[in-house]
Amino acid sequence: MAGRMQPVSPPRQPDVLVIGGGPGGASAACVLAEAGHQVVVLEKAHHPRFHIGESLLPANLPLLDRLGVAEAVRAIGLPKHGAEFYSPRHGRTERFAFADSRNPCLRSAYEVRRSSFDEILIRRAARLGARVIEGCRARQIEFPSRDEVLVRAEHEDGTASAWRPRYLIDASGRDTFLGSRLGLKRRNARHASCAMYAHFRGAWRHEDAARAGDITIFWFEHGWFWFIPLADGATSVGAVVWPYHMKGRDRPLEAFFRQTLALSPALTARLEGAERVTDVEATGSYTYSCARARGRRFLLVGDAYSFIDPVFSSGVLFAMVGGVAAAEAIGTCLTAPERSGPALRRFERRVRLGPRRFAWFIYRMTRPAMQSLFMAAHNPLRMREALLSFLSGDLFEDAPPSRSLRAFQALYYLTSLAMPRRSLAALRRHALDIRRESASAAP
């Protein structure tokens, strides 16, 4: 590691140190602080701060209730009752209403500005008793012994601090504090994508109030676009593209983003007359996971553990589920050490479950067969309801409607066989892109 930082005082010893004050870290801090544990949260930025990922899922709402922030989120959110998918090959949009899912408790969600949403969660943690330190970045980690963890942090004023918690939660997001330092982080060899995004004002809004908050996914040749309306009149628009498209950029990012948006006439029509009100930002190839989600004295949650393509708006849900599960596991470790083993294993099973179940759909979302199934009007074996439960985020229970989902998967393969040329072309293109990405990342 780099040269050791010299803390200004002996290491502080809270019950739990949380690195990162996003949805995962704040959720964990809320649960632990409410249970009476001494919790410290280190957040490198200051809330409110910009973050992408504004579309919640219905499965987020029970978590908001549990954390005591449901009313505050309702006040800043735009109700979201469904999701739309636009296929240029079919020339139309297909809507999925959450009310049609098999779980009657998961009928709506919200579109939120993340700066406001994240601040609600972190301030709630502070009110419950967590110590929140903003402008403080974790820099180094050491394990002096099998049962000790030492974190050294740097504050924005240049001072340093050291922390020797009984347990550590890494909720550092894509910084992957522990995953990178412990060699746990692995690039996903099966799926790679990049993103460009910005906010617009004056974009098209649906006249039907019940549909005004729908997220819309637009497929196009090089990936897909998101279109997320927000309560304050802004609209989040982003392009998730395969790396070959981003690597072909021959102009400034803003011009390249505008050129990419023009590849979807349907999306362009929604942006006619709209004004871009934020800078265009981009991320590189970002799909990864860590080899494990826990160690003897640490746990990884949210993007600090894994990140997959955001096509189903799963990021905030995975972070919050992981944060709450981590808090429950550590609570057991602190109050009933004899049950630590089962509690930690239960945590890891839970945080692995969501990404694993999503992955099958993620890897195939842009394939011709999947687009055809999403656009299909027929509904054999009530697969549409099962798919809606999945899209609502209802995937952390031990027994989801697996029979219908397995039937959907079988139908996908049959549909792929029924369109061999398009399916084979998509497979070859995807395989070539993965090989190119792997070759460029090898050094």
Protein backbone atom coordinates (compact mmCIF):
# COMPACT_ATOMS: atom_id res chain seq x y z
CA MET A 1 0.00 0.00 0.00
CA ALA A 2 0.96 3.66 -0.21
CA GLY A 3 2.79 5.28 2.69
CA ARG A 4 1.04 4.95 5.99
CA MET A 5 -1.15 7.83 7.13
CA GLN A 6 -0.53 9.09 10.65
CA PRO A 7 -3.81 9.56 12.56
CA VAL A 8 -4.12 12.51 14.89
CA SER A 9 -5.44 10.35 17.73
CA PRO A 10 -5.62 6.67 18.79
CA PRO A 11 -8.06 4.51 16.80
CA ARG A 12 -11.69 5.01 17.72
CA GLN A 13 -13.61 1.81 18.43
CA PRO A 14 -17.28 1.92 17.39
CA ASP A 15 -19.36 -1.23 17.15
CA VAL A 16 -19.71 -0.79 13.38
CA LEU A 17 -17.93 1.39 10.85
CA VAL A 18 -19.79 1.94 7.56
CA ILE A 19 -17.82 3.15 4.55
CA GLY A 20 -20.19 5.01 2.22
CA GLY A 21 -23.36 6.98 2.90
CA GLY A 22 -25.44 5.92 -0.10
CA PRO A 23 -28.62 3.82 0.11
CA GLY A 24 -26.81 0.66 1.24
CA GLY A 25 -24.68 2.26 3.91
CA ALA A 26 -27.45 4.53 5.17
CA SER A 27 -29.93 1.64 5.39
CA ALA A 28 -27.47 -0.42 7.42
CA ALA A 29 -26.75 2.54 9.69
CA CYS A 30 -30.46 3.16 10.30
CA VAL A 31 -31.14 -0.43 11.40
CA LEU A 32 -28.03 -0.69 13.57
CA ALA A 33 -28.45 2.72 15.21
CA GLU A 34 -32.11 2.10 15.94
CA ALA A 35 -31.10 -1.14 17.69
CA GLY A 36 -28.80 0.86 19.96
CA HIS A 37 -25.42 -0.02 18.44
CA GLN A 38 -22.65 2.56 18.09
CA VAL A 39 -22.37 3.26 14.35
CA VAL A 40 -20.08 5.60 12.41
CA VAL A 41 -20.57 6.37 8.71
CA LEU A 42 -17.72 7.74 6.62
CA GLU A 43 -18.92 9.50 3.45
CA LYS A 44 -16.37 10.97 1.04
CA ALA A 45 -18.78 13.60 -0.35
CA HIS A 46 -21.37 15.92 1.19
CA HIS A 47 -25.10 15.37 0.87
CA PRO A 48 -26.91 16.32 -1.23
CA ARG A 49 -24.73 15.08 -4.10
CA PHE A 50 -25.60 14.00 -7.62
CA HIS A 51 -26.01 10.31 -8.37
CA ILE A 52 -27.54 8.39 -11.22
CA GLY A 53 -30.03 5.56 -10.69
CA GLU A 54 -33.28 7.41 -10.05
CA SER A 55 -35.85 4.68 -10.66
CA LEU A 56 -36.99 2.67 -7.63
CA LEU A 57 -38.83 -0.66 -7.71
CA PRO A 58 -42.01 -1.57 -5.83
CA ALA A 59 -39.95 -3.85 -3.59
CA ASN A 60 -38.16 -0.75 -2.27
CA LEU A 61 -41.34 0.52 -0.60
CA PRO A 62 -41.49 -2.00 2.29
CA LEU A 63 -37.89 -1.09 3.06
CA LEU A 64 -38.77 2.61 3.13
CA ASP A 65 -41.52 1.81 5.64
CA ARG A 66 -39.13 -0.15 7.81
CA LEU A 67 -36.57 2.65 7.83
CA GLY A 68 -39.20 5.26 8.66
CA VAL A 69 -38.70 7.38 5.52
CA ALA A 70 -41.76 6.42 3.45
CA GLU A 71 -43.53 9.77 3.82
CA ALA A 72 -40.38 11.79 3.16
CA VAL A 73 -39.70 9.85 -0.04
CA ARG A 74 -43.33 10.16 -1.10
CA ALA A 75 -42.97 13.96 -0.84
CA ILE A 76 -40.04 14.10 -3.31
CA GLY A 77 -40.96 11.20 -5.60
CA LEU A 78 -43.01 10.87 -8.78
CA PRO A 79 -45.33 7.83 -8.51
CA LYS A 80 -44.27 5.04 -10.85
CA HIS A 81 -46.92 2.48 -11.75
CA GLY A 82 -45.25 0.62 -14.56
CA ALA A 83 -42.46 0.27 -17.09
CA GLU A 84 -42.54 0.65 -20.87
CA PHE A 85 -40.33 -1.05 -23.44
CA TYR A 86 -39.99 0.34 -26.95
CA SER A 87 -38.78 -1.96 -29.72
CA PRO A 88 -37.80 -0.28 -33.01
CA ARG A 89 -38.18 -3.61 -34.79
CA HIS A 90 -41.82 -3.79 -33.70
CA GLY A 91 -42.35 -0.03 -33.97
CA ARG A 92 -44.32 0.25 -30.73
CA THR A 93 -44.24 0.37 -26.94
CA GLU A 94 -45.40 -2.38 -24.61
CA ARG A 95 -46.35 -1.38 -21.06
CA PHE A 96 -46.08 -3.54 -17.94
CA ALA A 97 -48.24 -2.32 -15.05
CA PHE A 98 -47.00 -3.39 -11.63
CA ALA A 99 -50.62 -3.83 -10.50
CA ASP A 100 -50.83 -6.91 -12.75
CA SER A 101 -48.07 -8.75 -10.90
CA ARG A 102 -48.71 -11.72 -8.66
CA ASN A 103 -47.78 -9.84 -5.50
CA PRO A 104 -50.62 -7.45 -4.57
CA CYS A 105 -48.32 -5.58 -2.18
CA LEU A 106 -46.00 -4.42 -4.96
CA ARG A 107 -48.14 -2.14 -7.12
CA SER A 108 -46.14 1.07 -7.41
CA ALA A 109 -42.81 2.74 -6.81
CA TYR A 110 -41.23 6.19 -7.28
CA GLU A 111 -38.91 8.02 -9.60
CA VAL A 112 -36.63 10.07 -7.35
CA ARG A 113 -33.85 12.58 -7.67
CA ARG A 114 -31.07 10.67 -6.00
CA SER A 115 -29.51 13.70 -4.35
CA SER A 116 -32.75 14.16 -2.36
CA PHE A 117 -33.41 10.45 -1.80
CA ASP A 118 -29.94 9.67 -0.53
CA GLU A 119 -29.97 12.69 1.79
CA ILE A 120 -33.28 11.56 3.31
CA LEU A 121 -31.74 8.18 4.17
CA ILE A 122 -28.46 9.48 5.60
CA ARG A 123 -30.17 12.16 7.70
CA ARG A 124 -32.54 9.53 9.05
CA ALA A 125 -29.54 7.44 10.12
CA ALA A 126 -28.11 10.47 11.93
CA ARG A 127 -31.40 11.15 13.72
CA LEU A 128 -31.49 7.54 14.89
CA GLY A 129 -28.07 7.96 16.48
CA ALA A 130 -25.49 7.10 13.84
CA ARG A 131 -22.49 9.42 13.67
CA VAL A 132 -22.23 10.60 10.05
CA ILE A 133 -18.89 12.10 9.01
CA GLU A 134 -19.00 13.69 5.56
CA GLY A 135 -15.99 14.80 3.56
CA CYS A 136 -14.04 11.80 4.88
CA ARG A 137 -12.55 9.15 2.60
CA ALA A 138 -11.38 5.72 3.78
CA ARG A 139 -7.85 5.22 2.48
CA GLN A 140 -6.29 2.10 3.95
CA ILE A 141 -7.33 -1.09 5.67
CA GLU A 142 -5.29 -3.43 7.82
CA PHE A 143 -6.01 -6.65 9.69
CA PRO A 144 -3.68 -6.60 12.71
CA SER A 145 -5.02 -9.97 13.85
CA ARG A 146 -7.69 -12.47 12.92
CA ASP A 147 -10.32 -10.61 14.94
CA GLU A 148 -9.24 -7.03 14.24
CA VAL A 149 -9.80 -4.59 11.41
CA LEU A 150 -8.18 -1.16 11.23
CA VAL A 151 -9.32 1.54 8.78
CA ARG A 152 -7.36 4.72 8.18
CA ALA A 153 -9.27 7.67 6.75
CA GLU A 154 -8.45 11.11 5.40
CA HIS A 155 -10.64 14.15 6.08
CA GLU A 156 -11.05 16.98 3.60
CA ASP A 157 -9.14 19.37 5.87
CA GLY A 158 -6.09 17.12 5.55
CA THR A 159 -6.31 15.50 8.97
CA ALA A 160 -6.36 11.75 9.40
CA SER A 161 -8.25 9.38 11.66
CA ALA A 162 -8.13 5.69 12.47
CA TRP A 163 -10.98 3.35 13.29
CA ARG A 164 -10.91 -0.07 14.89
CA PRO A 165 -14.55 -1.21 14.70
CA ARG A 166 -15.84 -4.57 15.83
CA TYR A 167 -17.38 -4.92 12.35
CA LEU A 168 -16.96 -3.12 9.05
CA ILE A 169 -19.58 -2.63 6.33
CA ASP A 170 -18.21 -1.66 2.94
CA ALA A 171 -20.93 0.31 1.14
CA SER A 172 -18.45 2.37 -0.89
CA GLY A 173 -20.26 1.77 -4.17
CA ARG A 174 -18.21 1.53 -7.31
CA ASP A 175 -15.13 2.63 -5.38
CA THR A 176 -15.14 -1.02 -4.17
CA PHE A 177 -12.92 -0.13 -1.22
CA LEU A 178 -12.46 -3.67 0.10
CA GLY A 179 -12.97 -5.57 -3.14
CA SER A 180 -10.13 -3.71 -4.83
CA ARG A 181 -7.71 -3.80 -1.90
CA LEU A 182 -8.27 -7.45 -1.05
CA GLY A 183 -8.21 -8.67 -4.65
CA LEU A 184 -11.85 -9.81 -4.54
CA LYS A 185 -13.16 -7.80 -7.50
CA ARG A 186 -13.74 -9.65 -10.76
CA ARG A 187 -14.80 -8.20 -14.08
CA ASN A 188 -17.85 -9.91 -15.55
CA ALA A 189 -16.57 -11.75 -18.62
CA ARG A 190 -20.09 -12.37 -19.94
CA HIS A 191 -21.43 -8.84 -19.92
CA ALA A 192 -19.76 -5.48 -20.44
CA SER A 193 -21.38 -2.12 -20.99
CA CYS A 194 -20.77 1.62 -20.71
CA ALA A 195 -23.14 4.49 -20.01
CA MET A 196 -23.64 8.16 -20.90
CA TYR A 197 -26.33 10.27 -19.23
CA ALA A 198 -27.67 13.75 -18.50
CA HIS A 199 -30.80 15.52 -17.24
CA PHE A 200 -33.17 17.42 -19.53
CA ARG A 201 -35.95 19.91 -18.87
CA GLY A 202 -39.02 20.26 -21.06
CA ALA A 203 -39.06 16.65 -22.30
CA TRP A 204 -42.34 14.93 -23.24
CA ARG A 205 -44.66 13.83 -20.42
CA HIS A 206 -47.54 11.38 -20.66
CA GLU A 207 -50.97 13.00 -20.47
CA ASP A 208 -52.32 10.15 -18.34
CA ALA A 209 -51.29 10.95 -14.76
CA ALA A 210 -51.23 7.24 -13.93
CA ARG A 211 -48.50 6.76 -16.53
CA ALA A 212 -46.59 10.01 -16.09
CA GLY A 213 -44.00 8.34 -13.86
CA ASP A 214 -43.37 5.26 -16.01
CA ILE A 215 -39.78 4.54 -16.89
CA THR A 216 -39.31 3.82 -20.60
CA ILE A 217 -36.62 1.57 -22.03
CA PHE A 218 -35.77 2.10 -25.72
CA TRP A 219 -33.84 -0.66 -27.43
CA PHE A 220 -31.50 0.35 -30.24
CA GLU A 221 -28.69 -1.13 -32.28
CA HIS A 222 -25.88 -0.60 -29.77
CA GLY A 223 -27.73 -1.21 -26.46
CA TRP A 224 -30.62 0.60 -24.82
CA PHE A 225 -31.73 4.01 -23.50
CA TRP A 226 -33.50 4.96 -20.29
CA PHE A 227 -36.06 7.77 -20.00
CA ILE A 228 -36.97 8.58 -16.38
CA PRO A 229 -39.30 11.51 -15.58
CA LEU A 230 -38.71 13.21 -12.21
CA ALA A 231 -41.13 15.09 -9.97
CA ASP A 232 -39.48 18.49 -10.42
CA GLY A 233 -39.94 18.50 -14.20
CA ALA A 234 -36.51 17.16 -15.11
CA THR A 235 -36.03 13.93 -17.04
CA SER A 236 -33.05 11.62 -16.68
CA VAL A 237 -31.92 10.23 -20.03
CA GLY A 238 -29.10 7.77 -20.48
CA ALA A 239 -27.60 5.39 -23.02
CA VAL A 240 -26.19 2.01 -21.98
CA VAL A 241 -24.02 0.82 -24.84
CA TRP A 242 -21.61 -1.97 -25.62
CA PRO A 243 -17.95 -0.96 -25.28
CA TYR A 244 -17.25 -1.06 -29.02
CA HIS A 245 -19.69 1.83 -29.50
CA MET A 246 -18.05 3.98 -26.84
CA LYS A 247 -14.57 3.17 -28.13
CA GLY A 248 -15.62 4.42 -31.55
CA ARG A 249 -16.17 7.93 -30.18
CA ASP A 250 -14.54 10.49 -32.48
CA ARG A 251 -15.91 13.72 -31.01
CA PRO A 252 -16.45 15.38 -27.61
CA LEU A 253 -18.67 13.47 -25.20
CA GLU A 254 -21.62 15.88 -25.41
CA ALA A 255 -21.69 15.69 -29.22
CA PHE A 256 -21.26 11.90 -29.13
CA PHE A 257 -24.13 11.57 -26.65
CA ARG A 258 -26.36 13.71 -28.88
CA GLN A 259 -25.35 11.62 -31.90
CA THR A 260 -26.18 8.41 -30.01
CA LEU A 261 -29.60 9.71 -28.91
CA ALA A 262 -30.40 10.42 -32.56
CA LEU A 263 -30.17 6.67 -33.27
CA SER A 264 -33.60 6.31 -31.61
CA PRO A 265 -36.19 8.42 -33.45
CA ALA A 266 -38.81 7.50 -30.84
CA LEU A 267 -36.65 8.85 -28.01
CA THR A 268 -35.61 11.88 -30.06
CA ALA A 269 -39.29 12.77 -30.48
CA ARG A 270 -39.70 12.85 -26.69
CA LEU A 271 -36.75 15.23 -26.39
CA GLU A 272 -37.88 17.64 -29.09
CA GLY A 273 -37.62 21.15 -27.65
CA ALA A 274 -36.07 19.87 -24.40
CA GLU A 275 -33.04 21.59 -22.86
CA ARG A 276 -30.14 19.70 -21.36
CA VAL A 277 -29.59 21.09 -17.86
CA THR A 278 -26.64 18.99 -16.62
CA ASP A 279 -23.31 18.09 -18.11
CA VAL A 280 -23.12 14.79 -19.96
CA GLU A 281 -21.31 12.22 -17.86
CA ALA A 282 -20.00 8.79 -18.76
CA THR A 283 -18.82 5.61 -17.09
CA GLY A 284 -16.60 2.93 -18.54
CA SER A 285 -17.14 -0.80 -18.67
CA TYR A 286 -18.58 -1.42 -15.25
CA THR A 287 -20.06 -4.89 -14.79
CA TYR A 288 -18.27 -6.77 -11.99
CA SER A 289 -18.72 -8.77 -8.81
CA CYS A 290 -16.58 -9.73 -5.83
CA ALA A 291 -15.54 -13.29 -5.09
CA ARG A 292 -17.26 -13.13 -1.70
CA ALA A 293 -19.51 -10.76 0.20
CA ARG A 294 -18.06 -11.16 3.68
CA GLY A 295 -15.02 -11.93 5.79
CA ARG A 296 -14.60 -12.55 9.47
CA ARG A 297 -15.08 -8.89 10.42
CA PHE A 298 -16.40 -7.26 7.26
CA LEU A 299 -19.39 -7.35 4.90
CA LEU A 300 -19.86 -5.93 1.40
CA VAL A 301 -23.18 -4.48 0.24
CA GLY A 302 -24.59 -2.90 -2.91
CA ASP A 303 -22.19 -1.84 -5.63
CA ALA A 304 -19.26 -2.50 -3.29
CA TYR A 305 -20.10 -6.18 -3.81
CA SER A 306 -21.37 -6.27 -7.39
CA PHE A 307 -22.77 -4.16 -10.18
CA ILE A 308 -24.83 -5.43 -13.09
CA ASP A 309 -26.47 -3.71 -16.03
CA PRO A 310 -29.14 -1.30 -14.68
CA VAL A 311 -31.82 -2.18 -17.24
CA PHE A 312 -34.27 -3.31 -14.51
CA SER A 313 -33.48 -0.47 -12.06
CA SER A 314 -32.18 -2.93 -9.50
CA GLY A 315 -29.21 -1.01 -8.06
CA VAL A 316 -30.91 0.86 -5.20
CA LEU A 317 -32.95 -2.21 -4.27
CA PHE A 318 -29.86 -4.45 -4.08
CA ALA A 319 -28.06 -1.82 -2.00
CA MET A 320 -30.90 -1.39 0.49
CA VAL A 321 -31.61 -5.11 0.79
CA GLY A 322 -27.90 -5.73 1.35
CA GLY A 323 -27.63 -2.92 3.88
CA VAL A 324 -30.54 -4.16 5.94
CA ALA A 325 -29.33 -7.78 5.71
CA ALA A 326 -25.83 -6.73 6.81
CA ALA A 327 -27.24 -4.82 9.77
CA GLU A 328 -29.34 -7.79 10.83
CA ALA A 329 -26.37 -10.15 10.57
CA ILE A 330 -24.05 -7.85 12.52
CA GLY A 331 -26.76 -7.23 15.10
CA THR A 332 -26.84 -10.98 15.72
CA CYS A 333 -23.04 -11.13 15.89
CA LEU A 334 -22.95 -8.36 18.50
CA THR A 335 -25.77 -9.63 20.71
CA ALA A 336 -25.59 -13.40 20.22
CA PRO A 337 -22.05 -14.30 19.07
CA GLU A 338 -22.83 -18.02 19.21
CA ARG A 339 -25.18 -17.51 16.24
CA SER A 340 -22.71 -15.48 14.17
CA GLY A 341 -21.91 -18.21 11.66
CA PRO A 342 -25.48 -18.88 10.50
CA ALA A 343 -26.28 -15.15 10.50
CA LEU A 344 -23.36 -14.29 8.24
CA ARG A 345 -24.10 -17.19 5.88
CA ARG A 346 -27.72 -16.06 5.68
CA PHE A 347 -26.53 -12.56 4.78
CA GLU A 348 -24.31 -13.78 1.96
CA ARG A 349 -27.01 -16.00 0.49
CA ARG A 350 -29.36 -13.03 0.43
CA VAL A 351 -27.03 -10.55 -1.24
CA ARG A 352 -26.04 -13.12 -3.87
CA LEU A 353 -29.62 -14.08 -4.64
CA GLY A 354 -30.84 -10.91 -6.36
CA PRO A 355 -27.96 -10.42 -8.80
CA ARG A 356 -27.93 -14.13 -9.64
CA ARG A 357 -31.63 -14.19 -10.49
CA PHE A 358 -31.40 -10.97 -12.47
CA ALA A 359 -28.32 -12.09 -14.40
CA TRP A 360 -30.14 -14.49 -16.73
CA PHE A 361 -32.37 -11.69 -18.00
CA ILE A 362 -29.57 -9.11 -18.03
CA TYR A 363 -27.36 -11.20 -20.30
CA ARG A 364 -30.19 -11.63 -22.81
CA MET A 365 -32.10 -8.37 -22.54
CA THR A 366 -31.01 -6.96 -25.88
CA ARG A 367 -31.31 -10.23 -27.83
CA PRO A 368 -33.95 -10.38 -30.60
CA ALA A 369 -35.83 -13.23 -28.90
CA MET A 370 -36.16 -11.33 -25.62
CA GLN A 371 -37.44 -8.23 -27.39
CA SER A 372 -40.04 -10.35 -29.18
CA LEU A 373 -41.22 -11.90 -25.91
CA PHE A 374 -41.53 -8.52 -24.21
CA MET A 375 -43.56 -7.27 -27.16
CA ALA A 376 -45.78 -10.36 -27.31
CA ALA A 377 -49.49 -9.94 -26.60
CA HIS A 378 -50.13 -13.56 -25.58
CA ASN A 379 -49.66 -14.73 -21.99
CA PRO A 380 -49.31 -18.51 -21.74
CA LEU A 381 -49.05 -20.03 -18.24
CA ARG A 382 -49.45 -16.53 -16.73
CA MET A 383 -45.82 -15.84 -17.53
CA ARG A 384 -46.52 -12.13 -17.81
CA GLU A 385 -47.59 -11.95 -14.15
CA ALA A 386 -44.51 -13.88 -13.09
CA LEU A 387 -42.30 -11.58 -15.15
CA LEU A 388 -43.98 -8.54 -13.59
CA SER A 389 -43.28 -9.84 -10.10
CA PHE A 390 -39.67 -10.20 -11.16
CA LEU A 391 -39.59 -6.66 -12.61
CA SER A 392 -41.12 -5.37 -9.36
CA GLY A 393 -38.12 -6.68 -7.44
CA ASP A 394 -39.99 -9.59 -5.84
CA LEU A 395 -37.03 -11.95 -6.03
CA PHE A 396 -35.53 -12.31 -2.58
CA GLU A 397 -37.92 -14.89 -1.21
CA ASP A 398 -36.99 -18.55 -1.21
CA ALA A 399 -39.87 -19.58 -3.49
CA PRO A 400 -40.70 -17.07 -6.25
CA PRO A 401 -43.11 -18.10 -9.04
CA SER A 402 -40.29 -20.21 -10.48
CA ARG A 403 -42.49 -22.48 -12.61
CA SER A 404 -43.73 -19.60 -14.73
CA LEU A 405 -40.28 -18.06 -14.94
CA ARG A 406 -38.79 -21.38 -16.03
CA ALA A 407 -41.51 -21.61 -18.65
CA PHE A 408 -40.58 -18.10 -19.81
CA GLN A 409 -36.93 -19.15 -20.08
CA ALA A 410 -37.88 -22.21 -22.11
CA LEU A 411 -40.01 -20.07 -24.39
CA TYR A 412 -37.07 -17.71 -24.86
CA TYR A 413 -34.89 -20.53 -26.14
CA LEU A 414 -37.64 -21.75 -28.45
CA THR A 415 -38.12 -18.21 -29.77
CA SER A 416 -34.38 -17.94 -30.39
CA LEU A 417 -34.48 -21.13 -32.43
CA ALA A 418 -37.40 -19.76 -34.42
CA MET A 419 -35.33 -16.77 -35.56
CA PRO A 420 -31.92 -18.41 -36.12
CA ARG A 421 -30.31 -15.72 -38.28
CA ARG A 422 -31.02 -12.82 -35.96
CA SER A 423 -30.23 -14.85 -32.85
CA LEU A 424 -26.93 -16.14 -34.23
CA ALA A 425 -25.91 -12.66 -35.44
CA ALA A 426 -26.60 -11.22 -31.98
CA LEU A 427 -24.61 -14.00 -30.30
CA ARG A 428 -21.64 -13.52 -32.61
CA ARG A 429 -21.63 -9.77 -32.17
CA HIS A 430 -21.83 -10.08 -28.40
CA ALA A 431 -19.05 -12.69 -28.30
CA LEU A 432 -16.82 -10.49 -30.49
CA ASP A 433 -17.38 -7.48 -28.27
CA ILE A 434 -16.57 -9.48 -25.14
CA ARG A 435 -13.35 -10.76 -26.73
CA ARG A 436 -12.33 -7.23 -27.72
CA GLU A 437 -13.11 -5.92 -24.24
CA SER A 438 -11.20 -8.73 -22.55
CA ALA A 439 -8.20 -8.20 -24.82
CA SER A 440 -8.13 -4.45 -24.12
CA ALA A 441 -8.42 -5.02 -20.36
CA ALA A 442 -5.79 -7.77 -20.19
CA PRO A 443 -2.76 -5.46 -19.73
